[in-house]
Amino acid sequence: MTDPKLKLFTLDEVAELCHVPVGTVRYWRSMGKLKVIKPGRCPLVLEEDLLMFLGITQQNGKFVRTQSLTSRR
């Protein structure tokens, strides 16, 4: 049985959340920048992995950016 708190996103959902084309998300995946799991046919991204990719951590119940997105180019 899966953890009810576990949040998973499709590549399309990640693209929508990040305001980028899905091709960009696939590129991040192919470059190893975004961790993806594939429990079946559809690749999925764990919320924890997406937040880490975006440079966001949770401290004392609040989300805090740990690095700027431009510093990773």
C-alpha atoms as a PDB file:
ATOM      1  CA  MET A   1       0.000   0.000   0.000  1.00  0.00           C
ATOM      2  CA  THR A   2       1.306   3.470  -0.851  1.00  0.00           C
ATOM      3  CA  ASP A   3       1.814   6.325   1.588  1.00  0.00           C
ATOM      4  CA  PRO A   4      -1.230   8.662   1.386  1.00  0.00           C
ATOM      5  CA  LYS A   5       1.076  11.667   1.919  1.00  0.00           C
ATOM      6  CA  LEU A   6       3.246  10.677  -1.048  1.00  0.00           C
ATOM      7  CA  LYS A   7       2.656  13.115  -3.906  1.00  0.00           C
ATOM      8  CA  LEU A   8       3.569  12.150  -7.465  1.00  0.00           C
ATOM      9  CA  PHE A   9       3.534  14.332 -10.569  1.00  0.00           C
ATOM     10  CA  THR A  10       3.484  13.398 -14.239  1.00  0.00           C
ATOM     11  CA  LEU A  11       5.936  15.140 -16.560  1.00  0.00           C
ATOM     12  CA  ASP A  12       3.030  17.197 -17.920  1.00  0.00           C
ATOM     13  CA  GLU A  13       2.134  18.348 -14.404  1.00  0.00           C
ATOM     14  CA  VAL A  14       5.755  19.281 -13.669  1.00  0.00           C
ATOM     15  CA  ALA A  15       5.867  21.284 -16.896  1.00  0.00           C
ATOM     16  CA  GLU A  16       2.685  23.109 -15.934  1.00  0.00           C
ATOM     17  CA  LEU A  17       3.935  23.844 -12.412  1.00  0.00           C
ATOM     18  CA  CYS A  18       7.283  25.121 -13.730  1.00  0.00           C
ATOM     19  CA  HIS A  19       5.716  27.055 -16.639  1.00  0.00           C
ATOM     20  CA  VAL A  20       7.894  25.302 -19.215  1.00  0.00           C
ATOM     21  CA  PRO A  21       7.164  22.998 -22.172  1.00  0.00           C
ATOM     22  CA  VAL A  22       7.067  19.275 -21.373  1.00  0.00           C
ATOM     23  CA  GLY A  23      10.058  18.874 -23.699  1.00  0.00           C
ATOM     24  CA  THR A  24      12.113  20.914 -21.234  1.00  0.00           C
ATOM     25  CA  VAL A  25      11.108  18.570 -18.401  1.00  0.00           C
ATOM     26  CA  ARG A  26      12.117  15.593 -20.564  1.00  0.00           C
ATOM     27  CA  TYR A  27      15.456  17.323 -21.211  1.00  0.00           C
ATOM     28  CA  TRP A  28      16.014  17.830 -17.464  1.00  0.00           C
ATOM     29  CA  ARG A  29      15.246  14.138 -17.019  1.00  0.00           C
ATOM     30  CA  SER A  30      17.628  13.027 -19.770  1.00  0.00           C
ATOM     31  CA  MET A  31      20.415  15.198 -18.333  1.00  0.00           C
ATOM     32  CA  GLY A  32      19.908  13.626 -14.907  1.00  0.00           C
ATOM     33  CA  LYS A  33      18.912  16.930 -13.317  1.00  0.00           C
ATOM     34  CA  LEU A  34      15.392  15.785 -12.399  1.00  0.00           C
ATOM     35  CA  LYS A  35      14.961  12.407 -10.726  1.00  0.00           C
ATOM     36  CA  VAL A  36      12.128  10.367 -12.227  1.00  0.00           C
ATOM     37  CA  ILE A  37      10.671   7.017 -11.176  1.00  0.00           C
ATOM     38  CA  LYS A  38       8.857   4.715 -13.546  1.00  0.00           C
ATOM     39  CA  PRO A  39       6.617   2.322 -11.620  1.00  0.00           C
ATOM     40  CA  GLY A  40       4.700   1.497 -14.809  1.00  0.00           C
ATOM     41  CA  ARG A  41       4.608   3.006 -18.266  1.00  0.00           C
ATOM     42  CA  CYS A  42       4.302   6.602 -17.093  1.00  0.00           C
ATOM     43  CA  PRO A  43       7.363   8.375 -15.610  1.00  0.00           C
ATOM     44  CA  LEU A  44       6.552  10.149 -12.346  1.00  0.00           C
ATOM     45  CA  VAL A  45       8.321  12.708 -10.175  1.00  0.00           C
ATOM     46  CA  LEU A  46       8.118  12.596  -6.394  1.00  0.00           C
ATOM     47  CA  GLU A  47       7.191  15.911  -4.781  1.00  0.00           C
ATOM     48  CA  GLU A  48      10.359  15.711  -2.662  1.00  0.00           C
ATOM     49  CA  ASP A  49      12.516  15.316  -5.793  1.00  0.00           C
ATOM     50  CA  LEU A  50      10.749  18.201  -7.544  1.00  0.00           C
ATOM     51  CA  LEU A  51      11.285  20.495  -4.567  1.00  0.00           C
ATOM     52  CA  MET A  52      14.948  19.490  -4.382  1.00  0.00           C
ATOM     53  CA  PHE A  53      15.343  20.161  -8.121  1.00  0.00           C
ATOM     54  CA  LEU A  54      13.764  23.601  -7.652  1.00  0.00           C
ATOM     55  CA  GLY A  55      16.066  24.312  -4.713  1.00  0.00           C
ATOM     56  CA  ILE A  56      13.295  24.392  -2.110  1.00  0.00           C
ATOM     57  CA  THR A  57      13.383  22.796   1.324  1.00  0.00           C
ATOM     58  CA  GLN A  58      10.902  22.715   4.167  1.00  0.00           C
ATOM     59  CA  GLN A  59      12.073  24.204   7.447  1.00  0.00           C
ATOM     60  CA  ASN A  60       9.797  24.560  10.480  1.00  0.00           C
ATOM     61  CA  GLY A  61       6.742  23.903   8.311  1.00  0.00           C
ATOM     62  CA  LYS A  62       7.665  26.615   5.787  1.00  0.00           C
ATOM     63  CA  PHE A  63       9.079  26.231   2.297  1.00  0.00           C
ATOM     64  CA  VAL A  64      12.414  28.022   1.822  1.00  0.00           C
ATOM     65  CA  ARG A  65      14.384  28.478  -1.407  1.00  0.00           C
ATOM     66  CA  THR A  66      17.927  27.209  -0.868  1.00  0.00           C
ATOM     67  CA  GLN A  67      19.406  28.279  -4.203  1.00  0.00           C
ATOM     68  CA  SER A  68      18.440  30.411  -7.154  1.00  0.00           C
ATOM     69  CA  LEU A  69      17.427  28.666 -10.356  1.00  0.00           C
ATOM     70  CA  THR A  70      19.886  30.766 -12.371  1.00  0.00           C
ATOM     71  CA  SER A  71      22.863  29.557 -10.309  1.00  0.00           C
ATOM     72  CA  ARG A  72      22.451  26.011 -11.735  1.00  0.00           C
ATOM     73  CA  ARG A  73      22.937  26.847 -15.395  1.00  0.00           C
END
